[in-house]
Amino acid sequence: MTYYTAKSPRACTLPSKPGVGYKSVHFSDILTNSNDVAWLEIHAENYMGAGGRPIAQLKRLREDFPISCHGVGLSIGGEQPLDQDHLKRLKFLISWLEPAVFSEHLAWSTHEGHYYNDLLPLPYTHKTLEKVTSHIDKVQNFLQRPMLLENPSNYLEFEESDFSEIEFIKEITKITGCGLLLDVNNVYVSSVNRGWDPYQYIDEFPIKKVYEIHLGGHKPEIDSEGNVVLIDNHASEVVDPVWKLYEYLLKSSGPRPTLIEWDNDVPSWEVLSSEVTLANEILESLYEKA
């Protein structure tokens, strides 16, 4: 299998400091009081147009901040071939934005031409592995750059899986050469929903392949059987167990670019930047004196 050329940039050139997911309501605040924010992340699908205020604001921000481009619509795990028009729009965006990194999700969100709002889970089978690696290979070839793949939030187990999640992710990186985006909130959410140890997950994860970390919020709900289910909703502060898991990760990974991800019920800049300050304090407590 062949993929991106040796002349392509390395998987990530973001600073190993905290950043935030950019929302237009924070445009002026970021320019006047960026606080500890070292970089910004955007959702690619929001910036695939040719002009207008969103593009103008993004071009202004990229003058001061490295940008991470995070895709949500490629449907890497989908059964159908990748949408070529979507890929062309993505390549155009990347050509002028020149982001420090491009990432996508280990999930599927399309079927027979229909796009869904959710990032849906996959069975970890040999058949799925072949499909996912083929899609990643095509993306990296088309964009002529490596991509990062994000671990999912899971709410159930598939009976037909041939691999554990970590085994599956390791196989993907081995076959495609892609890097990884480790979402710590997703690890915690999945561990509660599926009843396994999140610290063991971190210990077994291929940390050397991780070029970006995500932290975000989730919401507890009660299912029909009275069990607590955590929903990854990116709509609240990072909770204490996730901060502790993040600190545990950093002790083995070393400093990594860390995103505060808050996409829904977007708060004031003061609230969002205070989460960045907390992440920065953890990083500095571990590594500033090193």
C-alpha atoms as a PDB file:
ATOM      1  CA  MET A   1       0.000   0.000   0.000  1.00  0.00           C
ATOM      2  CA  THR A   2       1.293   3.461  -0.884  1.00  0.00           C
ATOM      3  CA  TYR A   3       0.431   6.755   0.727  1.00  0.00           C
ATOM      4  CA  TYR A   4       1.614  10.358   1.015  1.00  0.00           C
ATOM      5  CA  THR A   5       5.093  11.187  -0.287  1.00  0.00           C
ATOM      6  CA  ALA A   6       8.175  11.651   1.850  1.00  0.00           C
ATOM      7  CA  LYS A   7       8.150  15.358   0.959  1.00  0.00           C
ATOM      8  CA  SER A   8       4.886  15.886   2.847  1.00  0.00           C
ATOM      9  CA  PRO A   9       5.020  17.774   6.178  1.00  0.00           C
ATOM     10  CA  ARG A  10       5.214  15.781   9.380  1.00  0.00           C
ATOM     11  CA  ALA A  11       1.972  14.862  11.096  1.00  0.00           C
ATOM     12  CA  CYS A  12       1.699  17.978  13.264  1.00  0.00           C
ATOM     13  CA  THR A  13       3.473  21.304  13.720  1.00  0.00           C
ATOM     14  CA  LEU A  14       1.265  22.721  16.475  1.00  0.00           C
ATOM     15  CA  PRO A  15       2.965  24.050  19.621  1.00  0.00           C
ATOM     16  CA  SER A  16       2.786  21.675  22.594  1.00  0.00           C
ATOM     17  CA  LYS A  17       0.516  24.071  24.461  1.00  0.00           C
ATOM     18  CA  PRO A  18      -3.263  24.529  24.887  1.00  0.00           C
ATOM     19  CA  GLY A  19      -5.551  25.775  22.117  1.00  0.00           C
ATOM     20  CA  VAL A  20      -9.296  26.196  21.637  1.00  0.00           C
ATOM     21  CA  GLY A  21     -11.919  25.316  19.085  1.00  0.00           C
ATOM     22  CA  TYR A  22     -12.592  28.587  17.294  1.00  0.00           C
ATOM     23  CA  LYS A  23     -16.114  30.055  17.306  1.00  0.00           C
ATOM     24  CA  SER A  24     -16.899  33.296  15.486  1.00  0.00           C
ATOM     25  CA  VAL A  25     -18.493  34.861  18.599  1.00  0.00           C
ATOM     26  CA  HIS A  26     -14.999  34.903  20.111  1.00  0.00           C
ATOM     27  CA  PHE A  27     -13.248  36.556  17.147  1.00  0.00           C
ATOM     28  CA  SER A  28     -12.726  39.971  18.769  1.00  0.00           C
ATOM     29  CA  ASP A  29     -11.867  38.496  22.163  1.00  0.00           C
ATOM     30  CA  ILE A  30      -9.165  36.291  20.659  1.00  0.00           C
ATOM     31  CA  LEU A  31      -7.534  39.235  18.887  1.00  0.00           C
ATOM     32  CA  THR A  32      -7.601  41.489  21.946  1.00  0.00           C
ATOM     33  CA  ASN A  33      -7.080  38.997  24.789  1.00  0.00           C
ATOM     34  CA  SER A  34      -5.898  35.575  23.678  1.00  0.00           C
ATOM     35  CA  ASN A  35      -4.787  34.747  27.237  1.00  0.00           C
ATOM     36  CA  ASP A  36      -2.902  31.402  27.248  1.00  0.00           C
ATOM     37  CA  VAL A  37      -4.321  30.252  23.893  1.00  0.00           C
ATOM     38  CA  ALA A  38      -1.480  29.162  21.606  1.00  0.00           C
ATOM     39  CA  TRP A  39      -3.419  27.804  18.617  1.00  0.00           C
ATOM     40  CA  LEU A  40      -6.919  27.371  17.193  1.00  0.00           C
ATOM     41  CA  GLU A  41      -8.889  24.509  15.707  1.00  0.00           C
ATOM     42  CA  ILE A  42     -11.658  24.778  13.118  1.00  0.00           C
ATOM     43  CA  HIS A  43     -14.137  22.311  11.671  1.00  0.00           C
ATOM     44  CA  ALA A  44     -13.220  22.008   8.014  1.00  0.00           C
ATOM     45  CA  GLU A  45     -16.810  21.819   6.786  1.00  0.00           C
ATOM     46  CA  ASN A  46     -17.532  25.327   8.136  1.00  0.00           C
ATOM     47  CA  TYR A  47     -14.904  26.908   5.853  1.00  0.00           C
ATOM     48  CA  MET A  48     -15.280  25.255   2.471  1.00  0.00           C
ATOM     49  CA  GLY A  49     -16.769  28.305   0.784  1.00  0.00           C
ATOM     50  CA  ALA A  50     -14.874  30.733  -1.428  1.00  0.00           C
ATOM     51  CA  GLY A  51     -15.337  33.916   0.587  1.00  0.00           C
ATOM     52  CA  GLY A  52     -17.456  35.895   3.020  1.00  0.00           C
ATOM     53  CA  ARG A  53     -16.944  36.943   6.634  1.00  0.00           C
ATOM     54  CA  PRO A  54     -16.046  33.450   7.995  1.00  0.00           C
ATOM     55  CA  ILE A  55     -13.201  33.086   5.490  1.00  0.00           C
ATOM     56  CA  ALA A  56     -12.014  36.660   6.055  1.00  0.00           C
ATOM     57  CA  GLN A  57     -11.933  36.135   9.835  1.00  0.00           C
ATOM     58  CA  LEU A  58     -10.075  32.850   9.487  1.00  0.00           C
ATOM     59  CA  LYS A  59      -7.470  34.427   7.197  1.00  0.00           C
ATOM     60  CA  ARG A  60      -6.942  37.150   9.819  1.00  0.00           C
ATOM     61  CA  LEU A  61      -6.565  34.625  12.651  1.00  0.00           C
ATOM     62  CA  ARG A  62      -4.061  32.488  10.773  1.00  0.00           C
ATOM     63  CA  GLU A  63      -1.721  35.496  10.738  1.00  0.00           C
ATOM     64  CA  ASP A  64      -1.343  35.131  14.525  1.00  0.00           C
ATOM     65  CA  PHE A  65      -2.180  31.510  15.344  1.00  0.00           C
ATOM     66  CA  PRO A  66      -1.314  28.034  14.046  1.00  0.00           C
ATOM     67  CA  ILE A  67      -4.506  26.337  12.873  1.00  0.00           C
ATOM     68  CA  SER A  68      -5.635  22.755  13.295  1.00  0.00           C
ATOM     69  CA  CYS A  69      -8.173  21.638  10.664  1.00  0.00           C
ATOM     70  CA  HIS A  70     -10.562  19.032  12.081  1.00  0.00           C
ATOM     71  CA  GLY A  71     -12.864  17.202   9.666  1.00  0.00           C
ATOM     72  CA  VAL A  72     -16.270  15.841  10.676  1.00  0.00           C
ATOM     73  CA  GLY A  73     -17.760  14.807   7.327  1.00  0.00           C
ATOM     74  CA  LEU A  74     -15.428  12.439   5.465  1.00  0.00           C
ATOM     75  CA  SER A  75     -17.023   9.328   6.974  1.00  0.00           C
ATOM     76  CA  ILE A  76     -13.738   7.436   7.161  1.00  0.00           C
ATOM     77  CA  GLY A  77     -15.553   4.298   8.333  1.00  0.00           C
ATOM     78  CA  GLY A  78     -18.419   4.488   5.824  1.00  0.00           C
ATOM     79  CA  GLU A  79     -19.302   1.631   3.476  1.00  0.00           C
ATOM     80  CA  GLN A  80     -19.490   3.815   0.374  1.00  0.00           C
ATOM     81  CA  PRO A  81     -16.488   5.364  -1.434  1.00  0.00           C
ATOM     82  CA  LEU A  82     -15.303   8.726  -0.183  1.00  0.00           C
ATOM     83  CA  ASP A  83     -17.196  11.735  -1.538  1.00  0.00           C
ATOM     84  CA  GLN A  84     -14.856  13.154  -4.189  1.00  0.00           C
ATOM     85  CA  ASP A  85     -16.516  16.581  -4.199  1.00  0.00           C
ATOM     86  CA  HIS A  86     -16.052  16.790  -0.436  1.00  0.00           C
ATOM     87  CA  LEU A  87     -12.397  15.824  -0.826  1.00  0.00           C
ATOM     88  CA  LYS A  88     -11.883  18.522  -3.477  1.00  0.00           C
ATOM     89  CA  ARG A  89     -13.411  21.180  -1.208  1.00  0.00           C
ATOM     90  CA  LEU A  90     -11.212  19.981   1.641  1.00  0.00           C
ATOM     91  CA  LYS A  91      -8.081  20.124  -0.515  1.00  0.00           C
ATOM     92  CA  PHE A  92      -8.909  23.673  -1.625  1.00  0.00           C
ATOM     93  CA  LEU A  93      -9.300  24.748   2.016  1.00  0.00           C
ATOM     94  CA  ILE A  94      -6.025  23.126   3.031  1.00  0.00           C
ATOM     95  CA  SER A  95      -4.204  24.628   0.032  1.00  0.00           C
ATOM     96  CA  TRP A  96      -4.719  28.220   1.206  1.00  0.00           C
ATOM     97  CA  LEU A  97      -5.082  27.674   4.966  1.00  0.00           C
ATOM     98  CA  GLU A  98      -1.934  25.534   5.235  1.00  0.00           C
ATOM     99  CA  PRO A  99      -2.998  24.154   8.632  1.00  0.00           C
ATOM    100  CA  ALA A 100      -0.486  22.698  11.043  1.00  0.00           C
ATOM    101  CA  VAL A 101      -2.485  19.471  11.094  1.00  0.00           C
ATOM    102  CA  PHE A 102      -5.532  17.808   9.561  1.00  0.00           C
ATOM    103  CA  SER A 103      -7.561  15.244  11.513  1.00  0.00           C
ATOM    104  CA  GLU A 104     -10.696  13.140  11.181  1.00  0.00           C
ATOM    105  CA  HIS A 105     -12.699  10.606  13.218  1.00  0.00           C
ATOM    106  CA  LEU A 106     -12.714   6.829  13.480  1.00  0.00           C
ATOM    107  CA  ALA A 107     -16.438   6.738  12.693  1.00  0.00           C
ATOM    108  CA  TRP A 108     -18.972   6.849   9.871  1.00  0.00           C
ATOM    109  CA  SER A 109     -21.616   9.495   9.141  1.00  0.00           C
ATOM    110  CA  THR A 110     -22.898   8.825   5.598  1.00  0.00           C
ATOM    111  CA  HIS A 111     -24.971   6.174   3.865  1.00  0.00           C
ATOM    112  CA  GLU A 112     -26.271   6.108   0.295  1.00  0.00           C
ATOM    113  CA  GLY A 113     -25.773   9.839  -0.142  1.00  0.00           C
ATOM    114  CA  HIS A 114     -27.314  10.821   3.205  1.00  0.00           C
ATOM    115  CA  TYR A 115     -25.306  12.735   5.822  1.00  0.00           C
ATOM    116  CA  TYR A 116     -26.044  12.214   9.513  1.00  0.00           C
ATOM    117  CA  ASN A 117     -25.326  14.620  12.353  1.00  0.00           C
ATOM    118  CA  ASP A 118     -23.742  11.900  14.491  1.00  0.00           C
ATOM    119  CA  LEU A 119     -20.347  10.227  14.337  1.00  0.00           C
ATOM    120  CA  LEU A 120     -21.441   6.596  14.443  1.00  0.00           C
ATOM    121  CA  PRO A 121     -19.439   3.641  15.834  1.00  0.00           C
ATOM    122  CA  LEU A 122     -17.810   0.802  13.926  1.00  0.00           C
ATOM    123  CA  PRO A 123     -17.346  -2.922  14.553  1.00  0.00           C
ATOM    124  CA  TYR A 124     -13.633  -3.656  14.828  1.00  0.00           C
ATOM    125  CA  THR A 125     -13.427  -6.395  12.203  1.00  0.00           C
ATOM    126  CA  HIS A 126     -10.952  -7.286   9.456  1.00  0.00           C
ATOM    127  CA  LYS A 127     -13.486  -6.059   6.898  1.00  0.00           C
ATOM    128  CA  THR A 128     -13.798  -2.689   8.654  1.00  0.00           C
ATOM    129  CA  LEU A 129     -10.017  -2.437   8.950  1.00  0.00           C
ATOM    130  CA  GLU A 130      -9.642  -2.889   5.201  1.00  0.00           C
ATOM    131  CA  LYS A 131     -12.262  -0.211   4.517  1.00  0.00           C
ATOM    132  CA  VAL A 132     -10.887   2.333   7.006  1.00  0.00           C
ATOM    133  CA  THR A 133      -7.257   1.938   5.915  1.00  0.00           C
ATOM    134  CA  SER A 134      -8.246   2.181   2.257  1.00  0.00           C
ATOM    135  CA  HIS A 135     -10.078   5.448   2.945  1.00  0.00           C
ATOM    136  CA  ILE A 136      -7.198   6.891   4.971  1.00  0.00           C
ATOM    137  CA  ASP A 137      -4.784   5.921   2.229  1.00  0.00           C
ATOM    138  CA  LYS A 138      -6.933   7.716  -0.359  1.00  0.00           C
ATOM    139  CA  VAL A 139      -7.227  10.848   1.806  1.00  0.00           C
ATOM    140  CA  GLN A 140      -3.485  11.052   2.436  1.00  0.00           C
ATOM    141  CA  ASN A 141      -2.702  10.488  -1.223  1.00  0.00           C
ATOM    142  CA  PHE A 142      -5.236  13.078  -2.368  1.00  0.00           C
ATOM    143  CA  LEU A 143      -4.165  15.725   0.144  1.00  0.00           C
ATOM    144  CA  GLN A 144      -0.477  14.782  -0.128  1.00  0.00           C
ATOM    145  CA  ARG A 145      -0.075  15.074   3.619  1.00  0.00           C
ATOM    146  CA  PRO A 146      -0.522  12.825   6.655  1.00  0.00           C
ATOM    147  CA  MET A 147      -3.690  12.957   8.715  1.00  0.00           C
ATOM    148  CA  LEU A 148      -4.527  12.234  12.339  1.00  0.00           C
ATOM    149  CA  LEU A 149      -7.291   9.846  13.374  1.00  0.00           C
ATOM    150  CA  GLU A 150      -9.343  10.453  16.532  1.00  0.00           C
ATOM    151  CA  ASN A 151     -10.473   7.685  18.899  1.00  0.00           C
ATOM    152  CA  PRO A 152     -14.280   7.567  19.241  1.00  0.00           C
ATOM    153  CA  SER A 153     -16.762   7.842  22.091  1.00  0.00           C
ATOM    154  CA  ASN A 154     -18.511   4.491  22.337  1.00  0.00           C
ATOM    155  CA  TYR A 155     -21.773   3.496  23.960  1.00  0.00           C
ATOM    156  CA  LEU A 156     -21.935  -0.223  23.128  1.00  0.00           C
ATOM    157  CA  GLU A 157     -19.908  -3.276  22.091  1.00  0.00           C
ATOM    158  CA  PHE A 158     -20.232  -5.073  18.749  1.00  0.00           C
ATOM    159  CA  GLU A 159     -20.432  -8.863  19.084  1.00  0.00           C
ATOM    160  CA  GLU A 160     -18.600  -9.446  15.803  1.00  0.00           C
ATOM    161  CA  SER A 161     -15.459  -7.414  16.572  1.00  0.00           C
ATOM    162  CA  ASP A 162     -12.134  -9.153  15.866  1.00  0.00           C
ATOM    163  CA  PHE A 163      -9.966  -6.566  17.645  1.00  0.00           C
ATOM    164  CA  SER A 164     -10.039  -4.471  20.775  1.00  0.00           C
ATOM    165  CA  GLU A 165     -10.268  -0.745  20.054  1.00  0.00           C
ATOM    166  CA  ILE A 166      -6.576  -0.196  20.749  1.00  0.00           C
ATOM    167  CA  GLU A 167      -5.521  -3.204  18.654  1.00  0.00           C
ATOM    168  CA  PHE A 168      -7.654  -1.843  15.820  1.00  0.00           C
ATOM    169  CA  ILE A 169      -6.121   1.636  16.066  1.00  0.00           C
ATOM    170  CA  LYS A 170      -2.602   0.197  16.173  1.00  0.00           C
ATOM    171  CA  GLU A 171      -3.272  -1.772  12.997  1.00  0.00           C
ATOM    172  CA  ILE A 172      -4.552   1.352  11.257  1.00  0.00           C
ATOM    173  CA  THR A 173      -1.406   3.329  12.078  1.00  0.00           C
ATOM    174  CA  LYS A 174       0.821   0.414  11.074  1.00  0.00           C
ATOM    175  CA  ILE A 175      -0.839   0.052   7.652  1.00  0.00           C
ATOM    176  CA  THR A 176      -1.401   3.714   6.738  1.00  0.00           C
ATOM    177  CA  GLY A 177       1.303   5.612   8.608  1.00  0.00           C
ATOM    178  CA  CYS A 178      -1.292   8.099   9.900  1.00  0.00           C
ATOM    179  CA  GLY A 179      -0.906   9.848  13.238  1.00  0.00           C
ATOM    180  CA  LEU A 180      -3.395   9.892  16.091  1.00  0.00           C
ATOM    181  CA  LEU A 181      -5.518  12.434  17.920  1.00  0.00           C
ATOM    182  CA  LEU A 182      -6.238  11.193  21.449  1.00  0.00           C
ATOM    183  CA  ASP A 183      -9.483  12.544  22.888  1.00  0.00           C
ATOM    184  CA  VAL A 184      -9.203  12.045  26.659  1.00  0.00           C
ATOM    185  CA  ASN A 185     -12.871  12.832  27.251  1.00  0.00           C
ATOM    186  CA  ASN A 186     -13.799  10.127  24.730  1.00  0.00           C
ATOM    187  CA  VAL A 187     -11.632   7.649  26.651  1.00  0.00           C
ATOM    188  CA  TYR A 188     -13.394   8.501  29.911  1.00  0.00           C
ATOM    189  CA  VAL A 189     -16.888   8.455  28.373  1.00  0.00           C
ATOM    190  CA  SER A 190     -16.278   5.077  26.731  1.00  0.00           C
ATOM    191  CA  SER A 191     -14.761   3.606  29.909  1.00  0.00           C
ATOM    192  CA  VAL A 192     -17.820   4.493  31.983  1.00  0.00           C
ATOM    193  CA  ASN A 193     -20.280   3.343  29.323  1.00  0.00           C
ATOM    194  CA  ARG A 194     -18.481   0.075  28.616  1.00  0.00           C
ATOM    195  CA  GLY A 195     -17.051  -0.706  32.039  1.00  0.00           C
ATOM    196  CA  TRP A 196     -13.312  -0.730  31.513  1.00  0.00           C
ATOM    197  CA  ASP A 197     -10.309   1.033  33.080  1.00  0.00           C
ATOM    198  CA  PRO A 198      -9.440   4.343  31.347  1.00  0.00           C
ATOM    199  CA  TYR A 199      -5.929   4.356  32.834  1.00  0.00           C
ATOM    200  CA  GLN A 200      -5.195   0.949  31.341  1.00  0.00           C
ATOM    201  CA  TYR A 201      -6.443   2.275  27.994  1.00  0.00           C
ATOM    202  CA  ILE A 202      -3.945   5.150  28.222  1.00  0.00           C
ATOM    203  CA  ASP A 203      -1.154   2.720  29.174  1.00  0.00           C
ATOM    204  CA  GLU A 204      -1.845   0.554  26.103  1.00  0.00           C
ATOM    205  CA  PHE A 205      -2.469   3.367  23.608  1.00  0.00           C
ATOM    206  CA  PRO A 206       0.292   4.014  21.007  1.00  0.00           C
ATOM    207  CA  ILE A 207       1.318   7.313  22.586  1.00  0.00           C
ATOM    208  CA  LYS A 208       4.257   7.875  20.228  1.00  0.00           C
ATOM    209  CA  LYS A 209       1.734   8.285  17.390  1.00  0.00           C
ATOM    210  CA  VAL A 210      -0.255  10.996  19.248  1.00  0.00           C
ATOM    211  CA  TYR A 211       0.251  14.511  17.867  1.00  0.00           C
ATOM    212  CA  GLU A 212      -2.807  16.216  19.374  1.00  0.00           C
ATOM    213  CA  ILE A 213      -4.978  15.814  22.481  1.00  0.00           C
ATOM    214  CA  HIS A 214      -8.615  16.820  22.938  1.00  0.00           C
ATOM    215  CA  LEU A 215     -10.385  17.675  26.188  1.00  0.00           C
ATOM    216  CA  GLY A 216     -14.116  18.374  26.358  1.00  0.00           C
ATOM    217  CA  GLY A 217     -17.324  18.024  28.309  1.00  0.00           C
ATOM    218  CA  HIS A 218     -20.008  15.363  28.489  1.00  0.00           C
ATOM    219  CA  LYS A 219     -23.498  14.896  29.887  1.00  0.00           C
ATOM    220  CA  PRO A 220     -24.762  12.043  32.106  1.00  0.00           C
ATOM    221  CA  GLU A 221     -28.126  10.544  31.185  1.00  0.00           C
ATOM    222  CA  ILE A 222     -30.165   7.604  32.487  1.00  0.00           C
ATOM    223  CA  ASP A 223     -31.023   4.821  30.051  1.00  0.00           C
ATOM    224  CA  SER A 224     -34.199   2.707  29.983  1.00  0.00           C
ATOM    225  CA  GLU A 225     -32.697   0.246  32.497  1.00  0.00           C
ATOM    226  CA  GLY A 226     -31.717   2.922  34.988  1.00  0.00           C
ATOM    227  CA  ASN A 227     -28.003   2.930  34.145  1.00  0.00           C
ATOM    228  CA  VAL A 228     -25.919   6.086  33.844  1.00  0.00           C
ATOM    229  CA  VAL A 229     -24.740   6.733  30.267  1.00  0.00           C
ATOM    230  CA  LEU A 230     -22.284   9.513  29.476  1.00  0.00           C
ATOM    231  CA  ILE A 231     -22.970  11.455  26.262  1.00  0.00           C
ATOM    232  CA  ASP A 232     -20.061  13.193  24.575  1.00  0.00           C
ATOM    233  CA  ASN A 233     -21.683  16.565  23.854  1.00  0.00           C
ATOM    234  CA  HIS A 234     -18.863  19.185  23.885  1.00  0.00           C
ATOM    235  CA  ALA A 235     -21.170  21.511  25.806  1.00  0.00           C
ATOM    236  CA  SER A 236     -19.671  21.950  29.275  1.00  0.00           C
ATOM    237  CA  GLU A 237     -16.488  22.248  31.313  1.00  0.00           C
ATOM    238  CA  VAL A 238     -13.956  19.451  31.510  1.00  0.00           C
ATOM    239  CA  VAL A 239     -14.761  17.384  34.613  1.00  0.00           C
ATOM    240  CA  ASP A 240     -12.257  16.459  37.310  1.00  0.00           C
ATOM    241  CA  PRO A 241     -11.852  12.760  36.327  1.00  0.00           C
ATOM    242  CA  VAL A 242     -10.941  13.846  32.785  1.00  0.00           C
ATOM    243  CA  TRP A 243      -8.396  16.394  34.077  1.00  0.00           C
ATOM    244  CA  LYS A 244      -6.808  13.644  36.210  1.00  0.00           C
ATOM    245  CA  LEU A 245      -6.694  11.271  33.235  1.00  0.00           C
ATOM    246  CA  TYR A 246      -5.114  14.035  31.144  1.00  0.00           C
ATOM    247  CA  GLU A 247      -2.418  14.617  33.766  1.00  0.00           C
ATOM    248  CA  TYR A 248      -1.756  10.868  33.885  1.00  0.00           C
ATOM    249  CA  LEU A 249      -1.400  10.816  30.089  1.00  0.00           C
ATOM    250  CA  LEU A 250       1.048  13.729  30.043  1.00  0.00           C
ATOM    251  CA  LYS A 251       3.361  11.970  32.486  1.00  0.00           C
ATOM    252  CA  SER A 252       4.030   9.300  29.864  1.00  0.00           C
ATOM    253  CA  SER A 253       3.485  11.279  26.646  1.00  0.00           C
ATOM    254  CA  GLY A 254       5.331  14.464  27.455  1.00  0.00           C
ATOM    255  CA  PRO A 255       3.862  17.835  26.391  1.00  0.00           C
ATOM    256  CA  ARG A 256       1.392  17.633  23.521  1.00  0.00           C
ATOM    257  CA  PRO A 257      -0.828  20.195  21.734  1.00  0.00           C
ATOM    258  CA  THR A 258      -4.043  20.162  23.777  1.00  0.00           C
ATOM    259  CA  LEU A 259      -7.419  21.407  22.572  1.00  0.00           C
ATOM    260  CA  ILE A 260     -10.289  22.586  24.745  1.00  0.00           C
ATOM    261  CA  GLU A 261     -13.263  21.439  22.655  1.00  0.00           C
ATOM    262  CA  TRP A 262     -16.580  23.247  23.289  1.00  0.00           C
ATOM    263  CA  ASP A 263     -18.924  23.162  20.284  1.00  0.00           C
ATOM    264  CA  ASN A 264     -22.432  23.452  21.746  1.00  0.00           C
ATOM    265  CA  ASP A 265     -23.927  25.949  24.208  1.00  0.00           C
ATOM    266  CA  VAL A 266     -20.805  28.001  23.533  1.00  0.00           C
ATOM    267  CA  PRO A 267     -19.786  29.965  26.657  1.00  0.00           C
ATOM    268  CA  SER A 268     -18.259  33.388  27.074  1.00  0.00           C
ATOM    269  CA  TRP A 269     -14.604  33.840  26.203  1.00  0.00           C
ATOM    270  CA  GLU A 270     -13.796  34.188  29.896  1.00  0.00           C
ATOM    271  CA  VAL A 271     -15.201  30.728  30.648  1.00  0.00           C
ATOM    272  CA  LEU A 272     -13.557  29.071  27.655  1.00  0.00           C
ATOM    273  CA  SER A 273     -10.152  30.665  28.189  1.00  0.00           C
ATOM    274  CA  SER A 274     -10.257  29.697  31.870  1.00  0.00           C
ATOM    275  CA  GLU A 275     -10.340  26.042  30.746  1.00  0.00           C
ATOM    276  CA  VAL A 276      -7.230  26.743  28.672  1.00  0.00           C
ATOM    277  CA  THR A 277      -5.570  28.201  31.771  1.00  0.00           C
ATOM    278  CA  LEU A 278      -6.292  24.988  33.707  1.00  0.00           C
ATOM    279  CA  ALA A 279      -4.721  22.876  30.953  1.00  0.00           C
ATOM    280  CA  ASN A 280      -1.717  25.187  30.854  1.00  0.00           C
ATOM    281  CA  GLU A 281      -1.262  24.939  34.628  1.00  0.00           C
ATOM    282  CA  ILE A 282      -1.125  21.143  34.412  1.00  0.00           C
ATOM    283  CA  LEU A 283       1.409  21.276  31.588  1.00  0.00           C
ATOM    284  CA  GLU A 284       3.576  23.786  33.420  1.00  0.00           C
ATOM    285  CA  SER A 285       3.415  21.890  36.716  1.00  0.00           C
ATOM    286  CA  LEU A 286       4.814  18.806  34.990  1.00  0.00           C
ATOM    287  CA  TYR A 287       7.297  20.258  32.517  1.00  0.00           C
ATOM    288  CA  GLU A 288       8.162  23.919  33.009  1.00  0.00           C
ATOM    289  CA  LYS A 289      11.026  23.114  35.411  1.00  0.00           C
ATOM    290  CA  ALA A 290      12.251  20.183  33.312  1.00  0.00           C
END
